[in-house]
């Protein structure tokens, strides 16, 4: 028995290494796909090891395997169906939904575990761990569902006084403390705690502005990782503990990096109104009597054809228009005529980190052409033409020049330093922060109005006509 246990422990170590290597691969676009496959394979291996790990004193669990594998098959089928049919623009919603399911799993684990122990006394640390797992999992579940609705546009921002959330949290802490100190499991209190925690998940996310949902999803993802780690403690399973720690810590780090990319604290995101409209969003929107200069596809194509260096700046509008493939076509026709084309990617462009990278990779754009914020800002002053495709707040000079702007201090792409800029937009509408973009009115900027995909296709046609 001891030798078999050692073999399984070695297997868990291999799975853990697979998690770490896979996570490391996700740090760069060129290795992200293989990193994802590696982590997925390690997870499958870990699940199989867990299912077949012998436990001393436990009857033969073979009768449960049918139910387990039926559940795995159903879950896998649903996951495949959603993942293969979802549009790239809806990928953040899918991530939020899947994360919510992780929270729901933590709820089920907690309720089942605490119900099984309701007949007798429970150790302090064990009951505390289970109840915290129930609380955090509930917040991750309903919070992720609200985030999903906000990203989808079916749920708007609602003003909820922070005092309400504070009172609810204090009440939850008091309930957990009362149950833990009593050392008795009372299922009435458990379900009351579950209900209040589910409500808190809603009130926690509801007031946060839509533009901040990527940060919130990342934070909720770290919550789900924390519940997985706690489940590992409950079941004395090291691989669950390690996997949860990796998810929780990476989610926390990503949350911090995203906040830094917006020059905001996490507290400001959670209690602020960025992206939620209102007074904060309207600040810095006054453009006076300035008028943006429109252009035509033919005029823009002439600028591009005779340029030496061109930088494409993708944003959420590119994703909505599904314009990544025509961007690749424009890159190809320009480079055929001696133009050096690169892409400037802002960390929070789109609706989740890496959104633009994934879209461009889907169009077979070379990873070598994708520049991060720092590299982009080194190149943009030497750029002849910068084409902004659907990006707004991440190129707004107000972040550097207008202290009254809600995005003031946010690191942006310095596209205004390029010799010429061309903005592709449907209209003069504001971005997610709810403020007008000063870039539109700069002397060296021109607006090419229309659907991004159609506009870029026209540019491709015009450039080809000049060859």
Protein backbone atom coordinates (compact mmCIF):
# COMPACT_ATOMS: atom_id res chain seq x y z
CA UNK A 1 0.00 0.00 0.00
CA UNK A 2 2.81 2.37 0.91
CA UNK A 3 4.64 1.76 -2.38
CA UNK A 4 1.47 2.44 -4.36
CA UNK A 5 0.95 5.69 -2.46
CA UNK A 6 4.49 6.78 -3.35
CA UNK A 7 3.77 6.16 -7.04
CA UNK A 8 0.64 8.29 -6.85
CA UNK A 9 2.56 11.05 -5.06
CA UNK A 10 5.11 11.02 -7.89
CA UNK A 11 2.20 11.30 -10.33
CA UNK A 12 0.86 14.32 -8.44
CA UNK A 13 4.32 15.89 -8.61
CA UNK A 14 4.38 15.40 -12.39
CA UNK A 15 0.92 17.00 -12.65
CA UNK A 16 2.06 19.92 -10.51
CA UNK A 17 5.07 20.49 -12.74
CA UNK A 18 2.70 20.39 -15.74
CA UNK A 19 0.57 23.13 -14.13
CA UNK A 20 3.59 25.35 -13.54
CA UNK A 21 5.06 24.81 -17.02
CA UNK A 22 1.64 25.45 -18.59
CA UNK A 23 1.17 28.62 -16.56
CA UNK A 24 4.62 29.79 -17.60
CA UNK A 25 3.68 29.24 -21.25
CA UNK A 26 0.67 31.52 -20.89
CA UNK A 27 2.96 34.48 -20.24
CA UNK A 28 3.73 35.00 -23.95
CA UNK A 29 1.50 34.84 -27.06
CA UNK A 30 3.91 32.55 -28.91
CA UNK A 31 3.74 29.87 -26.20
CA UNK A 32 0.20 30.43 -24.89
CA UNK A 33 -1.46 27.69 -26.95
CA UNK A 34 1.04 25.01 -25.90
CA UNK A 35 0.93 26.27 -22.32
CA UNK A 36 -2.83 25.90 -22.28
CA UNK A 37 -2.63 22.38 -23.69
CA UNK A 38 0.05 21.46 -21.16
CA UNK A 39 -2.00 22.73 -18.21
CA UNK A 40 -5.11 20.98 -19.53
CA UNK A 41 -3.28 17.67 -19.92
CA UNK A 42 -1.85 18.02 -16.40
CA UNK A 43 -5.36 18.64 -15.05
CA UNK A 44 -6.76 15.53 -16.76
CA UNK A 45 -3.86 13.50 -15.36
CA UNK A 46 -4.45 14.93 -11.86
CA UNK A 47 -8.18 14.15 -12.00
CA UNK A 48 -7.51 10.53 -13.02
CA UNK A 49 -4.93 10.16 -10.27
CA UNK A 50 -7.38 11.51 -7.69
CA UNK A 51 -10.14 9.17 -8.84
CA UNK A 52 -8.00 6.07 -8.54
CA UNK A 53 -5.86 6.96 -5.52
CA UNK A 54 -6.43 4.22 -2.90
CA UNK A 55 -7.58 5.47 0.52
CA UNK A 56 -7.03 3.32 3.57
CA UNK A 57 -10.18 2.32 5.38
CA UNK A 58 -12.42 3.34 2.51
CA UNK A 59 -14.71 0.71 0.92
CA UNK A 60 -14.37 -0.01 -2.76
CA UNK A 61 -15.77 3.10 -4.49
CA UNK A 62 -16.26 1.37 -7.85
CA UNK A 63 -20.05 1.87 -7.65
CA UNK A 64 -19.48 5.63 -7.83
CA UNK A 65 -17.36 5.62 -10.97
CA UNK A 66 -20.37 5.40 -13.28
CA UNK A 67 -21.86 8.58 -11.78
CA UNK A 68 -18.48 10.31 -11.82
CA UNK A 69 -17.76 9.60 -15.47
CA UNK A 70 -21.32 10.44 -16.53
CA UNK A 71 -20.86 13.81 -14.82
CA UNK A 72 -17.49 14.30 -16.49
CA UNK A 73 -18.97 13.45 -19.90
CA UNK A 74 -21.89 15.86 -19.48
CA UNK A 75 -19.64 18.67 -18.26
CA UNK A 76 -17.12 18.09 -21.04
CA UNK A 77 -19.86 18.07 -23.66
CA UNK A 78 -21.35 21.35 -22.42
CA UNK A 79 -17.92 22.96 -22.21
CA UNK A 80 -16.98 21.89 -25.74
CA UNK A 81 -20.32 23.07 -27.12
CA UNK A 82 -20.01 26.54 -25.60
CA UNK A 83 -16.29 26.96 -26.29
CA UNK A 84 -16.50 25.99 -29.97
CA UNK A 85 -19.59 28.09 -30.71
CA UNK A 86 -18.79 31.26 -28.81
CA UNK A 87 -17.75 34.33 -30.81
CA UNK A 88 -14.37 35.83 -29.97
CA UNK A 89 -16.13 39.02 -28.88
CA UNK A 90 -18.03 36.99 -26.28
CA UNK A 91 -15.00 35.17 -24.90
CA UNK A 92 -14.82 37.34 -21.72
CA UNK A 93 -18.44 36.44 -20.94
CA UNK A 94 -17.63 32.75 -21.36
CA UNK A 95 -14.62 33.05 -19.05
CA UNK A 96 -16.81 34.74 -16.44
CA UNK A 97 -19.49 32.05 -16.77
CA UNK A 98 -17.02 29.19 -16.42
CA UNK A 99 -15.48 30.90 -13.42
CA UNK A 100 -18.96 31.10 -11.87
CA UNK A 101 -19.32 27.35 -12.28
CA UNK A 102 -16.12 26.94 -10.27
CA UNK A 103 -17.71 28.93 -7.47
CA UNK A 104 -20.84 26.80 -7.69
CA UNK A 105 -18.68 23.69 -7.34
CA UNK A 106 -17.19 25.12 -4.15
CA UNK A 107 -20.74 25.67 -2.80
CA UNK A 108 -21.71 22.07 -3.48
CA UNK A 109 -18.50 20.71 -1.91
CA UNK A 110 -19.00 22.84 1.21
CA UNK A 111 -22.67 21.95 1.72
CA UNK A 112 -22.04 18.22 1.17
CA UNK A 113 -19.07 18.20 3.54
CA UNK A 114 -20.78 20.14 6.31
CA UNK A 115 -23.99 18.11 5.94
CA UNK A 116 -22.00 14.89 6.33
CA UNK A 117 -20.56 16.19 9.60
CA UNK A 118 -23.81 17.58 11.00
CA UNK A 119 -24.29 14.59 13.28
CA UNK A 120 -21.32 15.39 15.52
CA UNK A 121 -18.65 17.82 16.57
CA UNK A 122 -16.37 19.38 13.98
CA UNK A 123 -12.83 20.60 14.55
CA UNK A 124 -12.46 24.39 14.64
CA UNK A 125 -10.06 24.63 11.70
CA UNK A 126 -12.07 22.21 9.59
CA UNK A 127 -15.39 23.98 10.10
CA UNK A 128 -13.79 27.39 9.53
CA UNK A 129 -12.27 26.17 6.24
CA UNK A 130 -15.58 24.72 5.03
CA UNK A 131 -17.59 27.82 5.92
CA UNK A 132 -15.06 30.18 4.31
CA UNK A 133 -15.14 27.99 1.19
CA UNK A 134 -18.94 28.29 1.17
CA UNK A 135 -18.80 32.08 1.55
CA UNK A 136 -16.09 32.77 -1.04
CA UNK A 137 -17.52 30.25 -3.51
CA UNK A 138 -20.96 31.89 -3.24
CA UNK A 139 -19.50 35.34 -3.95
CA UNK A 140 -17.55 33.95 -6.93
CA UNK A 141 -20.69 32.24 -8.28
CA UNK A 142 -23.24 35.07 -8.21
CA UNK A 143 -20.58 37.74 -8.77
CA UNK A 144 -19.44 35.99 -11.95
CA UNK A 145 -23.04 35.69 -13.18
CA UNK A 146 -23.55 39.44 -12.67
CA UNK A 147 -20.25 40.14 -14.48
CA UNK A 148 -21.43 37.91 -17.32
CA UNK A 149 -24.66 39.89 -17.56
CA UNK A 150 -22.82 43.22 -17.53
CA UNK A 151 -20.45 42.17 -20.30
CA UNK A 152 -23.37 40.85 -22.32
CA UNK A 153 -25.23 44.11 -21.82
CA UNK A 154 -28.27 42.56 -20.14
CA UNK A 155 -27.45 43.99 -16.69
CA UNK A 156 -26.78 47.66 -16.11
CA UNK A 157 -24.89 49.40 -13.30
CA UNK A 158 -26.88 49.84 -10.09
CA UNK A 159 -25.99 52.20 -7.28
CA UNK A 160 -25.69 50.31 -3.99
CA UNK A 161 -24.40 52.23 -0.95
CA UNK A 162 -21.11 50.82 0.28
CA UNK A 163 -22.51 50.79 3.81
CA UNK A 164 -24.91 48.05 2.69
CA UNK A 165 -22.08 45.79 1.53
CA UNK A 166 -20.09 46.58 4.67
CA UNK A 167 -23.00 45.60 6.93
CA UNK A 168 -23.60 42.39 4.95
CA UNK A 169 -19.92 41.37 5.18
CA UNK A 170 -19.83 42.06 8.91
CA UNK A 171 -22.99 40.00 9.31
CA UNK A 172 -21.44 37.10 7.37
CA UNK A 173 -18.26 37.24 9.46
CA UNK A 174 -20.38 37.27 12.62
CA UNK A 175 -22.37 34.22 11.47
CA UNK A 176 -19.22 32.28 10.62
CA UNK A 177 -17.68 33.21 13.96
CA UNK A 178 -20.82 32.17 15.83
CA UNK A 179 -20.98 28.77 14.13
CA UNK A 180 -17.28 28.08 14.47
CA UNK A 181 -17.10 29.01 18.15
CA UNK A 182 -20.16 26.88 18.86
CA UNK A 183 -18.37 23.89 17.28
CA UNK A 184 -21.77 22.49 16.25
CA UNK A 185 -23.01 22.28 12.67
CA UNK A 186 -26.45 23.87 12.34
CA UNK A 187 -27.77 23.39 8.81
CA UNK A 188 -30.31 26.20 9.24
CA UNK A 189 -27.47 28.66 9.83
CA UNK A 190 -25.48 27.10 7.00
CA UNK A 191 -28.26 27.70 4.46
CA UNK A 192 -28.84 31.18 5.87
CA UNK A 193 -25.13 31.89 5.40
CA UNK A 194 -25.36 30.51 1.85
CA UNK A 195 -28.30 32.74 0.98
CA UNK A 196 -26.72 35.92 2.36
CA UNK A 197 -23.40 35.13 0.66
CA UNK A 198 -25.14 34.64 -2.70
CA UNK A 199 -26.85 38.00 -2.29
CA UNK A 200 -23.55 39.64 -1.33
CA UNK A 201 -21.96 38.32 -4.54
CA UNK A 202 -24.63 40.26 -6.45
CA UNK A 203 -24.39 43.49 -4.42
CA UNK A 204 -20.58 43.30 -4.54
CA UNK A 205 -20.37 43.37 -8.35
CA UNK A 206 -23.56 45.25 -9.28
CA UNK A 207 -22.28 48.83 -8.62
CA UNK A 208 -18.97 48.34 -10.44
CA UNK A 209 -18.76 49.97 -13.87
CA UNK A 210 -18.88 47.88 -17.02
CA UNK A 211 -15.39 48.96 -18.09
CA UNK A 212 -13.97 47.43 -14.93
CA UNK A 213 -15.47 43.98 -15.49
CA UNK A 214 -12.16 42.47 -16.73
CA UNK A 215 -10.56 43.42 -13.40
CA UNK A 216 -13.53 42.04 -11.46
CA UNK A 217 -13.50 38.78 -13.42
CA UNK A 218 -9.80 38.37 -12.69
CA UNK A 219 -10.47 39.02 -8.99
CA UNK A 220 -13.36 36.55 -8.91
CA UNK A 221 -11.11 34.03 -10.65
CA UNK A 222 -8.63 34.37 -7.79
CA UNK A 223 -11.55 33.77 -5.38
CA UNK A 224 -12.36 30.53 -7.20
CA UNK A 225 -8.72 29.50 -6.96
CA UNK A 226 -8.83 30.17 -3.23
CA UNK A 227 -11.88 27.93 -2.83
CA UNK A 228 -10.09 25.16 -4.76
CA UNK A 229 -7.12 25.48 -2.40
CA UNK A 230 -9.47 25.28 0.60
CA UNK A 231 -11.14 22.22 -0.92
CA UNK A 232 -7.68 20.68 -1.11
CA UNK A 233 -7.33 21.26 2.63
CA UNK A 234 -10.78 19.77 3.29
CA UNK A 235 -10.00 16.61 1.31
CA UNK A 236 -6.31 16.51 2.23
CA UNK A 237 -5.48 16.58 -1.49
CA UNK A 238 -2.19 18.27 -2.29
CA UNK A 239 -2.82 18.67 -6.02
CA UNK A 240 -6.09 20.53 -5.35
CA UNK A 241 -4.26 22.70 -2.86
CA UNK A 242 -1.42 23.46 -5.28
CA UNK A 243 -3.74 24.04 -8.25
CA UNK A 244 -5.90 26.38 -6.21
CA UNK A 245 -2.89 28.33 -4.99
CA UNK A 246 -1.63 28.71 -8.58
CA UNK A 247 -5.01 29.94 -9.83
CA UNK A 248 -5.54 32.21 -6.84
CA UNK A 249 -2.09 33.76 -6.91
CA UNK A 250 -1.99 34.21 -10.71
CA UNK A 251 -5.48 35.74 -10.66
CA UNK A 252 -4.40 38.15 -7.94
CA UNK A 253 -1.23 39.11 -9.80
CA UNK A 254 -3.19 39.66 -13.02
CA UNK A 255 -5.71 41.81 -11.13
CA UNK A 256 -2.90 43.97 -9.76
CA UNK A 257 -1.24 44.30 -13.18
CA UNK A 258 -4.53 45.36 -14.79
CA UNK A 259 -5.09 47.97 -12.08
CA UNK A 260 -1.57 49.27 -12.68
CA UNK A 261 -2.28 49.42 -16.42
CA UNK A 262 -5.18 51.76 -15.60
CA UNK A 263 -3.21 53.61 -12.92
CA UNK A 264 -5.86 52.78 -10.34
CA UNK A 265 -5.96 50.89 -7.07
CA UNK A 266 -8.10 47.79 -6.65
CA UNK A 267 -10.10 49.64 -3.98
CA UNK A 268 -10.80 52.42 -6.49
CA UNK A 269 -12.07 49.84 -8.98
CA UNK A 270 -14.34 48.19 -6.42
CA UNK A 271 -15.90 51.40 -5.08
CA UNK A 272 -15.36 53.73 -8.06
CA UNK A 273 -17.66 54.59 -10.93
CA UNK A 274 -15.27 54.33 -13.89
CA UNK A 275 -17.24 53.11 -16.88
CA UNK A 276 -20.49 53.48 -15.04
CA UNK A 277 -21.58 56.81 -16.42
CA UNK A 278 -22.58 59.70 -14.21
CA UNK A 279 -20.56 62.67 -13.18
CA UNK A 280 -17.27 60.89 -13.13
CA UNK A 281 -17.72 59.68 -16.65
CA UNK A 282 -18.75 63.05 -17.98
CA UNK A 283 -15.73 64.84 -16.60
CA UNK A 284 -13.29 65.94 -19.24
CA UNK A 285 -15.78 65.42 -22.09
CA UNK A 286 -16.03 69.04 -23.21
CA UNK A 287 -14.48 69.48 -26.65
CA UNK A 288 -15.59 73.08 -27.18
CA UNK A 289 -15.95 74.00 -30.86
CA UNK A 290 -13.36 71.53 -32.11
CA UNK A 291 -14.21 69.60 -35.24
CA UNK A 292 -12.80 66.24 -36.28
CA UNK A 293 -11.48 65.94 -39.84
CA UNK A 294 -13.02 63.10 -41.86
CA UNK A 295 -11.11 61.32 -44.58
CA UNK A 296 -11.82 58.81 -47.33
CA UNK A 297 -10.42 55.36 -47.96
CA UNK A 298 -8.54 56.67 -51.00
CA UNK A 299 -6.82 59.48 -49.06
CA UNK A 300 -5.93 57.16 -46.19
CA UNK A 301 -4.59 54.53 -48.60
CA UNK A 302 -2.26 57.10 -50.20
CA UNK A 303 -0.80 57.92 -46.77
CA UNK A 304 -0.28 54.23 -46.05
CA UNK A 305 1.18 53.39 -49.45
CA UNK A 306 3.92 56.01 -49.19
CA UNK A 307 4.70 55.42 -45.50
CA UNK A 308 7.79 53.63 -44.25
CA UNK A 309 6.44 52.57 -40.84
CA UNK A 310 2.80 51.86 -40.00
CA UNK A 311 1.41 50.80 -36.61
CA UNK A 312 -2.03 49.23 -36.23
CA UNK A 313 -3.71 49.76 -32.84
CA UNK A 314 -6.55 47.25 -32.33
CA UNK A 315 -9.36 47.71 -29.80
CA UNK A 316 -12.71 46.21 -28.94
CA UNK A 317 -14.20 47.70 -32.12
CA UNK A 318 -11.94 45.39 -34.13
CA UNK A 319 -13.36 42.41 -32.24
CA UNK A 320 -16.95 43.54 -32.75
CA UNK A 321 -16.40 44.00 -36.50
CA UNK A 322 -14.43 40.73 -36.76
CA UNK A 323 -11.82 42.71 -38.67
CA UNK A 324 -8.72 40.76 -37.67
CA UNK A 325 -8.44 38.91 -40.98
CA UNK A 326 -8.69 42.05 -43.12
CA UNK A 327 -6.08 43.65 -40.84
CA UNK A 328 -3.80 40.80 -41.83
CA UNK A 329 -4.68 41.43 -45.49
CA UNK A 330 -3.80 45.12 -45.10
CA UNK A 331 -0.53 44.20 -43.44
CA UNK A 332 0.33 41.83 -46.30
CA UNK A 333 -0.40 44.29 -49.11
CA UNK A 334 1.50 47.10 -47.38
CA UNK A 335 4.56 44.95 -46.66
CA UNK A 336 4.51 43.80 -50.27
CA UNK A 337 5.10 47.45 -51.12
CA UNK A 338 7.95 47.94 -48.66
CA UNK A 339 5.99 49.26 -45.65
CA UNK A 340 6.99 47.99 -42.19
CA UNK A 341 3.78 47.09 -40.29
CA UNK A 342 3.49 46.35 -36.57
CA UNK A 343 0.71 46.15 -33.97
CA UNK A 344 0.53 48.12 -30.70
CA UNK A 345 -1.36 46.20 -27.98
CA UNK A 346 -2.51 47.92 -24.80
CA UNK A 347 -2.76 45.61 -21.72
CA UNK A 348 -6.47 46.34 -21.25
CA UNK A 349 -7.51 46.66 -24.91
CA UNK A 350 -10.65 44.64 -25.55
CA UNK A 351 -12.56 43.03 -22.71
CA UNK A 352 -9.87 40.87 -21.13
CA UNK A 353 -6.06 40.63 -21.09
CA UNK A 354 -4.75 39.04 -24.27
CA UNK A 355 -8.04 39.57 -26.14
CA UNK A 356 -6.36 41.38 -29.03
CA UNK A 357 -3.46 38.92 -29.12
CA UNK A 358 -5.86 36.00 -29.49
CA UNK A 359 -7.83 37.73 -32.25
CA UNK A 360 -4.72 38.57 -34.26
CA UNK A 361 -3.26 35.11 -33.73
CA UNK A 362 -6.51 33.74 -35.15
CA UNK A 363 -5.68 35.70 -38.33
CA UNK A 364 -2.11 34.28 -38.40
CA UNK A 365 -0.47 37.58 -37.52
CA UNK A 366 3.13 36.88 -36.51
CA UNK A 367 3.79 37.17 -32.78
CA UNK A 368 6.96 39.11 -33.61
CA UNK A 369 4.81 41.97 -34.89
CA UNK A 370 2.85 42.35 -31.63
CA UNK A 371 4.27 45.04 -29.35
CA UNK A 372 3.35 45.63 -25.71
CA UNK A 373 2.75 49.08 -24.23
CA UNK A 374 6.36 49.92 -23.50
CA UNK A 375 7.72 48.74 -26.86
CA UNK A 376 4.87 50.48 -28.71
CA UNK A 377 5.57 53.83 -27.07
CA UNK A 378 9.21 53.58 -28.13
CA UNK A 379 8.18 52.99 -31.75
CA UNK A 380 5.22 55.37 -32.15
CA UNK A 381 7.27 58.64 -32.29
CA UNK A 382 9.11 57.15 -35.31
CA UNK A 383 5.87 56.00 -36.98
CA UNK A 384 4.57 57.62 -40.15
CA UNK A 385 0.94 56.50 -39.76
CA UNK A 386 -0.84 54.97 -36.77
CA UNK A 387 -4.20 53.35 -37.56
CA UNK A 388 -6.52 53.05 -34.57
CA UNK A 389 -9.11 50.33 -35.17
CA UNK A 390 -11.88 50.57 -32.61
CA UNK A 391 -9.68 51.56 -29.67
CA UNK A 392 -10.71 54.62 -27.67
CA UNK A 393 -9.81 55.12 -24.02
CA UNK A 394 -6.40 53.43 -24.35
CA UNK A 395 -5.28 56.10 -26.86
CA UNK A 396 -6.96 59.13 -25.26
CA UNK A 397 -4.39 61.90 -24.54
CA UNK A 398 -6.65 63.14 -21.72
CA UNK A 399 -5.05 60.44 -19.59
CA UNK A 400 -1.89 62.56 -19.65
CA UNK A 401 -3.17 66.10 -20.02
CA UNK A 402 -6.52 66.47 -18.23
CA UNK A 403 -6.50 66.08 -14.41
CA UNK A 404 -10.32 66.25 -14.38
CA UNK A 405 -10.61 63.18 -16.61
CA UNK A 406 -11.61 59.88 -14.94
CA UNK A 407 -8.79 58.16 -16.85
CA UNK A 408 -6.12 60.69 -15.85
CA UNK A 409 -2.87 58.90 -15.02
CA UNK A 410 -3.78 55.77 -16.94
CA UNK A 411 -0.85 54.57 -19.10
CA UNK A 412 -1.88 54.89 -22.75
CA UNK A 413 -0.46 54.23 -26.20
CA UNK A 414 1.18 57.48 -27.34
CA UNK A 415 -0.36 57.38 -30.81
CA UNK A 416 -0.58 61.19 -30.91
CA UNK A 417 3.22 61.21 -31.26
CA UNK A 418 3.01 59.50 -34.66
CA UNK A 419 3.32 61.80 -37.69
CA UNK A 420 -0.25 61.01 -38.76
CA UNK A 421 -3.10 59.11 -37.12
CA UNK A 422 -6.20 57.63 -38.73
CA UNK A 423 -9.05 56.55 -36.45
CA UNK A 424 -11.50 53.96 -37.76
CA UNK A 425 -14.86 54.31 -35.99
CA UNK A 426 -18.54 54.09 -36.76
CA UNK A 427 -19.23 57.45 -35.14
CA UNK A 428 -17.89 60.04 -32.70
CA UNK A 429 -19.35 58.13 -29.75
CA UNK A 430 -17.40 57.91 -26.49
CA UNK A 431 -15.51 54.88 -25.24
CA UNK A 432 -16.29 52.72 -22.21
CA UNK A 433 -15.11 55.43 -19.83
CA UNK A 434 -17.87 57.68 -21.16
CA UNK A 435 -15.61 60.57 -22.24
CA UNK A 436 -14.78 62.06 -25.60
CA UNK A 437 -11.34 61.35 -27.07
CA UNK A 438 -9.20 64.44 -27.59
CA UNK A 439 -7.17 62.53 -30.18
CA UNK A 440 -10.07 62.82 -32.64
CA UNK A 441 -9.57 66.60 -32.82
CA UNK A 442 -5.78 66.69 -33.10
CA UNK A 443 -4.31 68.49 -36.10
CA UNK A 444 -2.55 65.35 -37.37
CA UNK A 445 -5.60 63.08 -37.03
CA UNK A 446 -8.25 62.06 -39.54
CA UNK A 447 -11.43 60.02 -39.01
CA UNK A 448 -12.42 57.21 -41.37
CA UNK A 449 -16.05 56.52 -40.46
CA UNK A 450 -17.76 53.20 -41.01
CA UNK A 451 -17.64 49.56 -40.01
CA UNK A 452 -14.02 48.66 -39.28
CA UNK A 453 -14.03 45.54 -41.44
CA UNK A 454 -15.52 47.37 -44.43
CA UNK A 455 -13.19 50.35 -44.00
CA UNK A 456 -10.06 48.21 -43.87
CA UNK A 457 -11.22 46.18 -46.86
CA UNK A 458 -11.58 49.44 -48.80
CA UNK A 459 -8.04 50.40 -47.76
CA UNK A 460 -6.76 47.06 -49.03
CA UNK A 461 -8.52 47.58 -52.36
CA UNK A 462 -7.23 51.15 -52.74
CA UNK A 463 -3.64 50.15 -51.92
CA UNK A 464 -3.82 47.31 -54.46
CA UNK A 465 -5.02 49.76 -57.09
CA UNK A 466 -1.88 51.85 -56.53
CA UNK A 467 0.53 48.94 -57.03
